[in-house]
Full PDB file with SEQRES, HELIX, SHEET, SSBOND, CRYST1, ORIGX, SCALE, CONECT and MASTER records, all heavy atoms in Angstrom:
SEQRES   1 A   37  LEU PHE VAL SER ALA LEU ILE CYS ALA THR PHE ILE ASP          
SEQRES   2 A   37  LEU ASP HIS PHE GLU ILE PRO ASP VAL PHE THR ILE GLY          
SEQRES   3 A   37  LEU GLY VAL ALA GLY VAL ILE LEU ALA CYS ALA                  
HELIX    1 AA1 PHE A    2  HIS A   16  1                                  15    
HELIX    2 AA2 ASP A   21  PHE A   23  5                                   3    
HELIX    3 AA3 ILE A   25  CYS A   36  1                                  12    
CRYST1    1.000    1.000    1.000  90.00  90.00  90.00 P 1           1          
ORIGX1      1.000000  0.000000  0.000000        0.00000                         
ORIGX2      0.000000  1.000000  0.000000        0.00000                         
ORIGX3      0.000000  0.000000  1.000000        0.00000                         
SCALE1      1.000000  0.000000  0.000000        0.00000                         
SCALE2      0.000000  1.000000  0.000000        0.00000                         
SCALE3      0.000000  0.000000  1.000000        0.00000                         
ATOM      1  N   LEU A   1      97.458  87.157 119.142  1.00  0.00           N  
ATOM      2  CA  LEU A   1      97.507  88.469 118.484  1.00  0.00           C  
ATOM      3  C   LEU A   1      98.742  89.244 118.943  1.00  0.00           C  
ATOM      4  O   LEU A   1      99.454  89.846 118.121  1.00  0.00           O  
ATOM      5  CB  LEU A   1      96.239  89.253 118.811  1.00  0.00           C  
ATOM      6  CG  LEU A   1      96.208  90.706 118.326  1.00  0.00           C  
ATOM      7  CD1 LEU A   1      96.247  90.767 116.795  1.00  0.00           C  
ATOM      8  CD2 LEU A   1      94.975  91.434 118.847  1.00  0.00           C  
ATOM      9  N   PHE A   2      99.004  89.223 120.230  1.00  0.00           N  
ATOM     10  CA  PHE A   2     100.156  89.925 120.790  1.00  0.00           C  
ATOM     11  C   PHE A   2     101.458  89.385 120.215  1.00  0.00           C  
ATOM     12  O   PHE A   2     102.331  90.149 119.782  1.00  0.00           O  
ATOM     13  CB  PHE A   2     100.124  89.762 122.309  1.00  0.00           C  
ATOM     14  CG  PHE A   2     101.198  90.498 123.052  1.00  0.00           C  
ATOM     15  CD1 PHE A   2     101.455  91.838 122.794  1.00  0.00           C  
ATOM     16  CD2 PHE A   2     101.938  89.866 124.038  1.00  0.00           C  
ATOM     17  CE1 PHE A   2     102.439  92.529 123.488  1.00  0.00           C  
ATOM     18  CE2 PHE A   2     102.919  90.532 124.740  1.00  0.00           C  
ATOM     19  CZ  PHE A   2     103.173  91.867 124.463  1.00  0.00           C  
ATOM     20  N   VAL A   3     101.583  88.076 120.177  1.00  0.00           N  
ATOM     21  CA  VAL A   3     102.781  87.427 119.641  1.00  0.00           C  
ATOM     22  C   VAL A   3     102.979  87.800 118.169  1.00  0.00           C  
ATOM     23  O   VAL A   3     104.102  88.099 117.733  1.00  0.00           O  
ATOM     24  CB  VAL A   3     102.667  85.900 119.809  1.00  0.00           C  
ATOM     25  CG1 VAL A   3     103.619  85.171 118.874  1.00  0.00           C  
ATOM     26  CG2 VAL A   3     102.931  85.497 121.250  1.00  0.00           C  
ATOM     27  N   SER A   4     101.899  87.792 117.398  1.00  0.00           N  
ATOM     28  CA  SER A   4     101.996  88.126 115.975  1.00  0.00           C  
ATOM     29  C   SER A   4     102.536  89.535 115.787  1.00  0.00           C  
ATOM     30  O   SER A   4     103.392  89.782 114.926  1.00  0.00           O  
ATOM     31  CB  SER A   4     100.615  87.992 115.318  1.00  0.00           C  
ATOM     32  OG  SER A   4     100.131  86.673 115.398  1.00  0.00           O  
ATOM     33  N   ALA A   5     102.021  90.483 116.595  1.00  0.00           N  
ATOM     34  CA  ALA A   5     102.485  91.867 116.485  1.00  0.00           C  
ATOM     35  C   ALA A   5     103.948  91.992 116.890  1.00  0.00           C  
ATOM     36  O   ALA A   5     104.716  92.733 116.265  1.00  0.00           O  
ATOM     37  CB  ALA A   5     101.609  92.772 117.346  1.00  0.00           C  
ATOM     38  N   LEU A   6     104.353  91.264 117.936  1.00  0.00           N  
ATOM     39  CA  LEU A   6     105.753  91.312 118.371  1.00  0.00           C  
ATOM     40  C   LEU A   6     106.684  90.796 117.281  1.00  0.00           C  
ATOM     41  O   LEU A   6     107.756  91.368 117.041  1.00  0.00           O  
ATOM     42  CB  LEU A   6     105.939  90.480 119.647  1.00  0.00           C  
ATOM     43  CG  LEU A   6     105.285  90.987 120.929  1.00  0.00           C  
ATOM     44  CD1 LEU A   6     105.626  90.052 122.091  1.00  0.00           C  
ATOM     45  CD2 LEU A   6     105.707  92.408 121.258  1.00  0.00           C  
ATOM     46  N   ILE A   7     106.289  89.728 116.612  1.00  0.00           N  
ATOM     47  CA  ILE A   7     107.123  89.155 115.553  1.00  0.00           C  
ATOM     48  C   ILE A   7     107.264  90.146 114.400  1.00  0.00           C  
ATOM     49  O   ILE A   7     108.368  90.398 113.896  1.00  0.00           O  
ATOM     50  CB  ILE A   7     106.540  87.821 115.064  1.00  0.00           C  
ATOM     51  CG1 ILE A   7     106.684  86.752 116.152  1.00  0.00           C  
ATOM     52  CG2 ILE A   7     107.229  87.357 113.779  1.00  0.00           C  
ATOM     53  CD1 ILE A   7     105.988  85.444 115.841  1.00  0.00           C  
ATOM     54  N   CYS A   8     106.149  90.721 113.961  1.00  0.00           N  
ATOM     55  CA  CYS A   8     106.203  91.700 112.865  1.00  0.00           C  
ATOM     56  C   CYS A   8     107.061  92.902 113.242  1.00  0.00           C  
ATOM     57  O   CYS A   8     107.919  93.328 112.466  1.00  0.00           O  
ATOM     58  CB  CYS A   8     104.789  92.155 112.515  1.00  0.00           C  
ATOM     59  SG  CYS A   8     103.851  90.985 111.525  1.00  0.00           S  
ATOM     60  N   ALA A   9     106.813  93.443 114.434  1.00  0.00           N  
ATOM     61  CA  ALA A   9     107.576  94.627 114.865  1.00  0.00           C  
ATOM     62  C   ALA A   9     109.063  94.319 114.939  1.00  0.00           C  
ATOM     63  O   ALA A   9     109.903  95.147 114.548  1.00  0.00           O  
ATOM     64  CB  ALA A   9     107.058  95.097 116.227  1.00  0.00           C  
ATOM     65  N   THR A  10     109.416  93.131 115.422  1.00  0.00           N  
ATOM     66  CA  THR A  10     110.820  92.752 115.563  1.00  0.00           C  
ATOM     67  C   THR A  10     111.539  92.740 114.226  1.00  0.00           C  
ATOM     68  O   THR A  10     112.601  93.364 114.055  1.00  0.00           O  
ATOM     69  CB  THR A  10     110.922  91.362 116.220  1.00  0.00           C  
ATOM     70  OG1 THR A  10     110.488  91.450 117.580  1.00  0.00           O  
ATOM     71  CG2 THR A  10     112.351  90.840 116.180  1.00  0.00           C  
ATOM     72  N   PHE A  11     110.973  92.060 113.253  1.00  0.00           N  
ATOM     73  CA  PHE A  11     111.689  91.896 111.984  1.00  0.00           C  
ATOM     74  C   PHE A  11     111.634  93.159 111.125  1.00  0.00           C  
ATOM     75  O   PHE A  11     112.578  93.435 110.370  1.00  0.00           O  
ATOM     76  CB  PHE A  11     111.153  90.673 111.234  1.00  0.00           C  
ATOM     77  CG  PHE A  11     111.600  89.374 111.849  1.00  0.00           C  
ATOM     78  CD1 PHE A  11     110.799  88.694 112.748  1.00  0.00           C  
ATOM     79  CD2 PHE A  11     112.855  88.869 111.557  1.00  0.00           C  
ATOM     80  CE1 PHE A  11     111.223  87.514 113.343  1.00  0.00           C  
ATOM     81  CE2 PHE A  11     113.296  87.684 112.139  1.00  0.00           C  
ATOM     82  CZ  PHE A  11     112.484  87.005 113.037  1.00  0.00           C  
ATOM     83  N   ILE A  12     110.558  93.935 111.241  1.00  0.00           N  
ATOM     84  CA  ILE A  12     110.530  95.216 110.528  1.00  0.00           C  
ATOM     85  C   ILE A  12     111.563  96.164 111.117  1.00  0.00           C  
ATOM     86  O   ILE A  12     112.260  96.880 110.386  1.00  0.00           O  
ATOM     87  CB  ILE A  12     109.116  95.825 110.584  1.00  0.00           C  
ATOM     88  CG1 ILE A  12     108.149  94.992 109.734  1.00  0.00           C  
ATOM     89  CG2 ILE A  12     109.133  97.269 110.089  1.00  0.00           C  
ATOM     90  CD1 ILE A  12     106.703  95.431 109.829  1.00  0.00           C  
ATOM     91  N   ASP A  13     111.688  96.167 112.447  1.00  0.00           N  
ATOM     92  CA  ASP A  13     112.685  97.032 113.085  1.00  0.00           C  
ATOM     93  C   ASP A  13     114.093  96.592 112.705  1.00  0.00           C  
ATOM     94  O   ASP A  13     114.979  97.427 112.480  1.00  0.00           O  
ATOM     95  CB  ASP A  13     112.501  96.991 114.606  1.00  0.00           C  
ATOM     96  CG  ASP A  13     113.114  98.207 115.301  1.00  0.00           C  
ATOM     97  OD1 ASP A  13     113.398  99.203 114.615  1.00  0.00           O  
ATOM     98  OD2 ASP A  13     113.292  98.164 116.531  1.00  0.00           O  
ATOM     99  N   LEU A  14     114.332  95.304 112.629  1.00  0.00           N  
ATOM    100  CA  LEU A  14     115.649  94.811 112.207  1.00  0.00           C  
ATOM    101  C   LEU A  14     115.976  95.232 110.774  1.00  0.00           C  
ATOM    102  O   LEU A  14     117.118  95.552 110.452  1.00  0.00           O  
ATOM    103  CB  LEU A  14     115.698  93.286 112.317  1.00  0.00           C  
ATOM    104  CG  LEU A  14     115.787  92.690 113.725  1.00  0.00           C  
ATOM    105  CD1 LEU A  14     115.615  91.181 113.674  1.00  0.00           C  
ATOM    106  CD2 LEU A  14     117.106  93.051 114.389  1.00  0.00           C  
ATOM    107  N   ASP A  15     114.957  95.245 109.908  1.00  0.00           N  
ATOM    108  CA  ASP A  15     115.182  95.562 108.498  1.00  0.00           C  
ATOM    109  C   ASP A  15     115.236  97.063 108.228  1.00  0.00           C  
ATOM    110  O   ASP A  15     116.009  97.520 107.375  1.00  0.00           O  
ATOM    111  CB  ASP A  15     114.068  94.951 107.639  1.00  0.00           C  
ATOM    112  CG  ASP A  15     114.166  93.431 107.549  1.00  0.00           C  
ATOM    113  OD1 ASP A  15     115.247  92.890 107.853  1.00  0.00           O  
ATOM    114  OD2 ASP A  15     113.162  92.800 107.186  1.00  0.00           O  
ATOM    115  N   HIS A  16     114.404  97.840 108.944  1.00  0.00           N  
ATOM    116  CA  HIS A  16     114.218  99.242 108.571  1.00  0.00           C  
ATOM    117  C   HIS A  16     114.476 100.241 109.709  1.00  0.00           C  
ATOM    118  O   HIS A  16     114.331 101.445 109.506  1.00  0.00           O  
ATOM    119  CB  HIS A  16     112.785  99.452 108.059  1.00  0.00           C  
ATOM    120  CG  HIS A  16     112.425  98.586 106.892  1.00  0.00           C  
ATOM    121  ND1 HIS A  16     112.819  98.866 105.607  1.00  0.00           N  
ATOM    122  CD2 HIS A  16     111.709  97.422 106.824  1.00  0.00           C  
ATOM    123  CE1 HIS A  16     112.359  97.921 104.786  1.00  0.00           C  
ATOM    124  NE2 HIS A  16     111.685  97.039 105.496  1.00  0.00           N  
ATOM    125  N   PHE A  17     114.812  99.753 110.891  1.00  0.00           N  
ATOM    126  CA  PHE A  17     115.059 100.623 112.047  1.00  0.00           C  
ATOM    127  C   PHE A  17     113.835 101.495 112.363  1.00  0.00           C  
ATOM    128  O   PHE A  17     113.969 102.656 112.744  1.00  0.00           O  
ATOM    129  CB  PHE A  17     116.290 101.505 111.825  1.00  0.00           C  
ATOM    130  CG  PHE A  17     117.576 100.736 111.773  1.00  0.00           C  
ATOM    131  CD1 PHE A  17     118.108 100.340 110.558  1.00  0.00           C  
ATOM    132  CD2 PHE A  17     118.245 100.390 112.935  1.00  0.00           C  
ATOM    133  CE1 PHE A  17     119.298  99.626 110.492  1.00  0.00           C  
ATOM    134  CE2 PHE A  17     119.435  99.675 112.884  1.00  0.00           C  
ATOM    135  CZ  PHE A  17     119.950  99.289 111.665  1.00  0.00           C  
ATOM    136  N   GLU A  18     112.656 100.922 112.211  1.00  0.00           N  
ATOM    137  CA  GLU A  18     111.430 101.614 112.562  1.00  0.00           C  
ATOM    138  C   GLU A  18     110.332 100.584 112.823  1.00  0.00           C  
ATOM    139  O   GLU A  18     110.425  99.443 112.348  1.00  0.00           O  
ATOM    140  CB  GLU A  18     110.979 102.584 111.461  1.00  0.00           C  
ATOM    141  CG  GLU A  18     110.596 101.891 110.168  1.00  0.00           C  
ATOM    142  CD  GLU A  18     110.084 102.859 109.114  1.00  0.00           C  
ATOM    143  OE1 GLU A  18     110.082 104.072 109.380  1.00  0.00           O  
ATOM    144  OE2 GLU A  18     109.687 102.392 108.029  1.00  0.00           O  
ATOM    145  N   ILE A  19     109.333 100.993 113.605  1.00  0.00           N  
ATOM    146  CA  ILE A  19     108.191 100.133 113.873  1.00  0.00           C  
ATOM    147  C   ILE A  19     106.947 100.882 113.428  1.00  0.00           C  
ATOM    148  O   ILE A  19     106.642 101.948 113.970  1.00  0.00           O  
ATOM    149  CB  ILE A  19     108.085  99.766 115.366  1.00  0.00           C  
ATOM    150  CG1 ILE A  19     109.384  99.129 115.858  1.00  0.00           C  
ATOM    151  CG2 ILE A  19     106.919  98.808 115.600  1.00  0.00           C  
ATOM    152  CD1 ILE A  19     109.398  98.830 117.356  1.00  0.00           C  
ATOM    153  N   PRO A  20     106.209 100.370 112.439  1.00  0.00           N  
ATOM    154  CA  PRO A  20     105.005 101.068 111.961  1.00  0.00           C  
ATOM    155  C   PRO A  20     103.967 101.262 113.076  1.00  0.00           C  
ATOM    156  O   PRO A  20     103.886 100.471 114.012  1.00  0.00           O  
ATOM    157  CB  PRO A  20     104.464 100.125 110.872  1.00  0.00           C  
ATOM    158  CG  PRO A  20     105.662  99.337 110.433  1.00  0.00           C  
ATOM    159  CD  PRO A  20     106.496  99.160 111.652  1.00  0.00           C  
ATOM    160  N   ASP A  21     103.163 102.300 112.937  1.00  0.00           N  
ATOM    161  CA  ASP A  21     102.178 102.647 113.967  1.00  0.00           C  
ATOM    162  C   ASP A  21     101.154 101.541 114.206  1.00  0.00           C  
ATOM    163  O   ASP A  21     100.589 101.447 115.300  1.00  0.00           O  
ATOM    164  CB  ASP A  21     101.448 103.939 113.585  1.00  0.00           C  
ATOM    165  CG  ASP A  21     102.310 105.172 113.816  1.00  0.00           C  
ATOM    166  OD1 ASP A  21     103.344 105.055 114.504  1.00  0.00           O  
ATOM    167  OD2 ASP A  21     101.957 106.249 113.302  1.00  0.00           O  
ATOM    168  N   VAL A  22     100.905 100.710 113.198  1.00  0.00           N  
ATOM    169  CA  VAL A  22      99.923  99.637 113.388  1.00  0.00           C  
ATOM    170  C   VAL A  22     100.363  98.669 114.478  1.00  0.00           C  
ATOM    171  O   VAL A  22      99.540  98.051 115.155  1.00  0.00           O  
ATOM    172  CB  VAL A  22      99.676  98.890 112.054  1.00  0.00           C  
ATOM    173  CG1 VAL A  22     100.919  98.127 111.603  1.00  0.00           C  
ATOM    174  CG2 VAL A  22      98.481  97.942 112.183  1.00  0.00           C  
ATOM    175  N   PHE A  23     101.685  98.557 114.699  1.00  0.00           N  
ATOM    176  CA  PHE A  23     102.208  97.654 115.727  1.00  0.00           C  
ATOM    177  C   PHE A  23     102.576  98.386 117.016  1.00  0.00           C  
ATOM    178  O   PHE A  23     103.134  97.780 117.935  1.00  0.00           O  
ATOM    179  CB  PHE A  23     103.427  96.904 115.197  1.00  0.00           C  
ATOM    180  CG  PHE A  23     103.146  96.114 113.961  1.00  0.00           C  
ATOM    181  CD1 PHE A  23     103.770  96.420 112.757  1.00  0.00           C  
ATOM    182  CD2 PHE A  23     102.223  95.085 113.980  1.00  0.00           C  
ATOM    183  CE1 PHE A  23     103.489  95.705 111.605  1.00  0.00           C  
ATOM    184  CE2 PHE A  23     101.935  94.357 112.831  1.00  0.00           C  
ATOM    185  CZ  PHE A  23     102.561  94.669 111.641  1.00  0.00           C  
ATOM    186  N   THR A  24     102.287  99.670 117.079  1.00  0.00           N  
ATOM    187  CA  THR A  24     102.525 100.446 118.299  1.00  0.00           C  
ATOM    188  C   THR A  24     101.211 101.041 118.795  1.00  0.00           C  
ATOM    189  O   THR A  24     100.601 100.537 119.735  1.00  0.00           O  
ATOM    190  CB  THR A  24     103.569 101.548 118.048  1.00  0.00           C  
ATOM    191  OG1 THR A  24     103.152 102.375 116.957  1.00  0.00           O  
ATOM    192  CG2 THR A  24     104.919 100.950 117.719  1.00  0.00           C  
ATOM    193  N   ILE A  25     100.738 102.075 118.103  1.00  0.00           N  
ATOM    194  CA  ILE A  25      99.462 102.691 118.489  1.00  0.00           C  
ATOM    195  C   ILE A  25      98.314 101.693 118.327  1.00  0.00           C  
ATOM    196  O   ILE A  25      97.480 101.531 119.224  1.00  0.00           O  
ATOM    197  CB  ILE A  25      99.208 103.949 117.643  1.00  0.00           C  
ATOM    198  CG1 ILE A  25     100.293 105.002 117.916  1.00  0.00           C  
ATOM    199  CG2 ILE A  25      97.830 104.525 117.950  1.00  0.00           C  
ATOM    200  CD1 ILE A  25     100.216 106.207 117.010  1.00  0.00           C  
ATOM    201  N   GLY A  26      98.288 101.017 117.176  1.00  0.00           N  
ATOM    202  CA  GLY A  26      97.222 100.045 116.923  1.00  0.00           C  
ATOM    203  C   GLY A  26      97.218  98.922 117.938  1.00  0.00           C  
ATOM    204  O   GLY A  26      96.164  98.512 118.440  1.00  0.00           O  
ATOM    205  N   LEU A  27      98.395  98.423 118.271  1.00  0.00           N  
ATOM    206  CA  LEU A  27      98.492  97.331 119.242  1.00  0.00           C  
ATOM    207  C   LEU A  27      98.091  97.811 120.630  1.00  0.00           C  
ATOM    208  O   LEU A  27      97.451  97.075 121.393  1.00  0.00           O  
ATOM    209  CB  LEU A  27      99.918  96.777 119.258  1.00  0.00           C  
ATOM    210  CG  LEU A  27     100.160  95.566 120.167  1.00  0.00           C  
ATOM    211  CD1 LEU A  27      99.341  94.367 119.702  1.00  0.00           C  
ATOM    212  CD2 LEU A  27     101.647  95.218 120.211  1.00  0.00           C  
ATOM    213  N   GLY A  28      98.460  99.043 120.982  1.00  0.00           N  
ATOM    214  CA  GLY A  28      98.077  99.579 122.286  1.00  0.00           C  
ATOM    215  C   GLY A  28      96.569  99.702 122.429  1.00  0.00           C  
ATOM    216  O   GLY A  28      95.990  99.333 123.469  1.00  0.00           O  
ATOM    217  N   VAL A  29      95.904 100.242 121.395  1.00  0.00           N  
ATOM    218  CA  VAL A  29      94.438 100.355 121.420  1.00  0.00           C  
ATOM    219  C   VAL A  29      93.804  98.969 121.504  1.00  0.00           C  
ATOM    220  O   VAL A  29      92.858  98.748 122.281  1.00  0.00           O  
ATOM    221  CB  VAL A  29      93.947 101.106 120.162  1.00  0.00           C  
ATOM    222  CG1 VAL A  29      92.423 101.063 120.070  1.00  0.00           C  
ATOM    223  CG2 VAL A  29      94.430 102.548 120.187  1.00  0.00           C  
ATOM    224  N   ALA A  30      94.329  98.026 120.717  1.00  0.00           N  
ATOM    225  CA  ALA A  30      93.802  96.659 120.753  1.00  0.00           C  
ATOM    226  C   ALA A  30      93.976  96.043 122.136  1.00  0.00           C  
ATOM    227  O   ALA A  30      93.095  95.320 122.628  1.00  0.00           O  
ATOM    228  CB  ALA A  30      94.504  95.798 119.708  1.00  0.00           C  
ATOM    229  N   GLY A  31      95.111  96.335 122.796  1.00  0.00           N  
ATOM    230  CA  GLY A  31      95.354  95.788 124.128  1.00  0.00           C  
ATOM    231  C   GLY A  31      94.338  96.272 125.137  1.00  0.00           C  
ATOM    232  O   GLY A  31      93.837  95.493 125.965  1.00  0.00           O  
ATOM    233  N   VAL A  32      93.988  97.561 125.098  1.00  0.00           N  
ATOM    234  CA  VAL A  32      93.003  98.109 126.038  1.00  0.00           C  
ATOM    235  C   VAL A  32      91.617  97.527 125.757  1.00  0.00           C  
ATOM    236  O   VAL A  32      90.886  97.145 126.679  1.00  0.00           O  
ATOM    237  CB  VAL A  32      92.976  99.648 125.947  1.00  0.00           C  
ATOM    238  CG1 VAL A  32      91.858 100.220 126.820  1.00  0.00           C  
ATOM    239  CG2 VAL A  32      94.322 100.229 126.381  1.00  0.00           C  
ATOM    240  N   ILE A  33      91.250  97.438 124.482  1.00  0.00           N  
ATOM    241  CA  ILE A  33      89.934  96.885 124.120  1.00  0.00           C  
ATOM    242  C   ILE A  33      89.826  95.416 124.525  1.00  0.00           C  
ATOM    243  O   ILE A  33      88.825  94.988 125.116  1.00  0.00           O  
ATOM    244  CB  ILE A  33      89.684  97.054 122.611  1.00  0.00           C  
ATOM    245  CG1 ILE A  33      89.553  98.536 122.262  1.00  0.00           C  
ATOM    246  CG2 ILE A  33      88.442  96.288 122.176  1.00  0.00           C  
ATOM    247  CD1 ILE A  33      89.479  98.818 120.777  1.00  0.00           C  
ATOM    248  N   LEU A  34      90.862  94.635 124.220  1.00  0.00           N  
ATOM    249  CA  LEU A  34      90.839  93.216 124.571  1.00  0.00           C  
ATOM    250  C   LEU A  34      90.857  93.011 126.082  1.00  0.00           C  
ATOM    251  O   LEU A  34      90.263  92.053 126.588  1.00  0.00           O  
ATOM    252  CB  LEU A  34      92.022  92.498 123.924  1.00  0.00           C  
ATOM    253  CG  LEU A  34      91.931  92.269 122.419  1.00  0.00           C  
ATOM    254  CD1 LEU A  34      93.235  91.685 121.882  1.00  0.00           C  
ATOM    255  CD2 LEU A  34      90.769  91.348 122.077  1.00  0.00           C  
ATOM    256  N   ALA A  35      91.533  93.888 126.811  1.00  0.00           N  
ATOM    257  CA  ALA A  35      91.551  93.779 128.266  1.00  0.00           C  
ATOM    258  C   ALA A  35      90.139  93.911 128.831  1.00  0.00           C  
ATOM    259  O   ALA A  35      89.768  93.224 129.795  1.00  0.00           O  
ATOM    260  CB  ALA A  35      92.469  94.842 128.862  1.00  0.00           C  
ATOM    261  N   CYS A  36      89.346  94.799 128.235  1.00  0.00           N  
ATOM    262  CA  CYS A  36      87.949  94.964 128.682  1.00  0.00           C  
ATOM    263  C   CYS A  36      87.086  93.792 128.239  1.00  0.00           C  
ATOM    264  O   CYS A  36      86.196  93.353 128.975  1.00  0.00           O  
ATOM    265  CB  CYS A  36      87.377  96.270 128.129  1.00  0.00           C  
ATOM    266  SG  CYS A  36      88.197  97.753 128.748  1.00  0.00           S  
ATOM    267  N   ALA A  37      87.337  93.273 127.030  1.00  0.00           N  
ATOM    268  CA  ALA A  37      86.521  92.173 126.510  1.00  0.00           C  
ATOM    269  C   ALA A  37      86.898  90.834 127.118  1.00  0.00           C  
ATOM    270  O   ALA A  37      86.048  89.943 127.272  1.00  0.00           O  
ATOM    271  CB  ALA A  37      86.663  92.110 124.983  1.00  0.00           C  
TER     272      ALA A  37                                                      
MASTER        0    0    0    3    0    0    0    6  271    1    0    3          
END                                                                             
């Protein structure tokens, strides 16, 4: 899951100079939840 988000964020940032919140805020929330699980 982490790798998938990194790949999406990388190529979107290369194309548009921005990273959507789903790959920043969403990924951060997912990281905390998965760390507990």
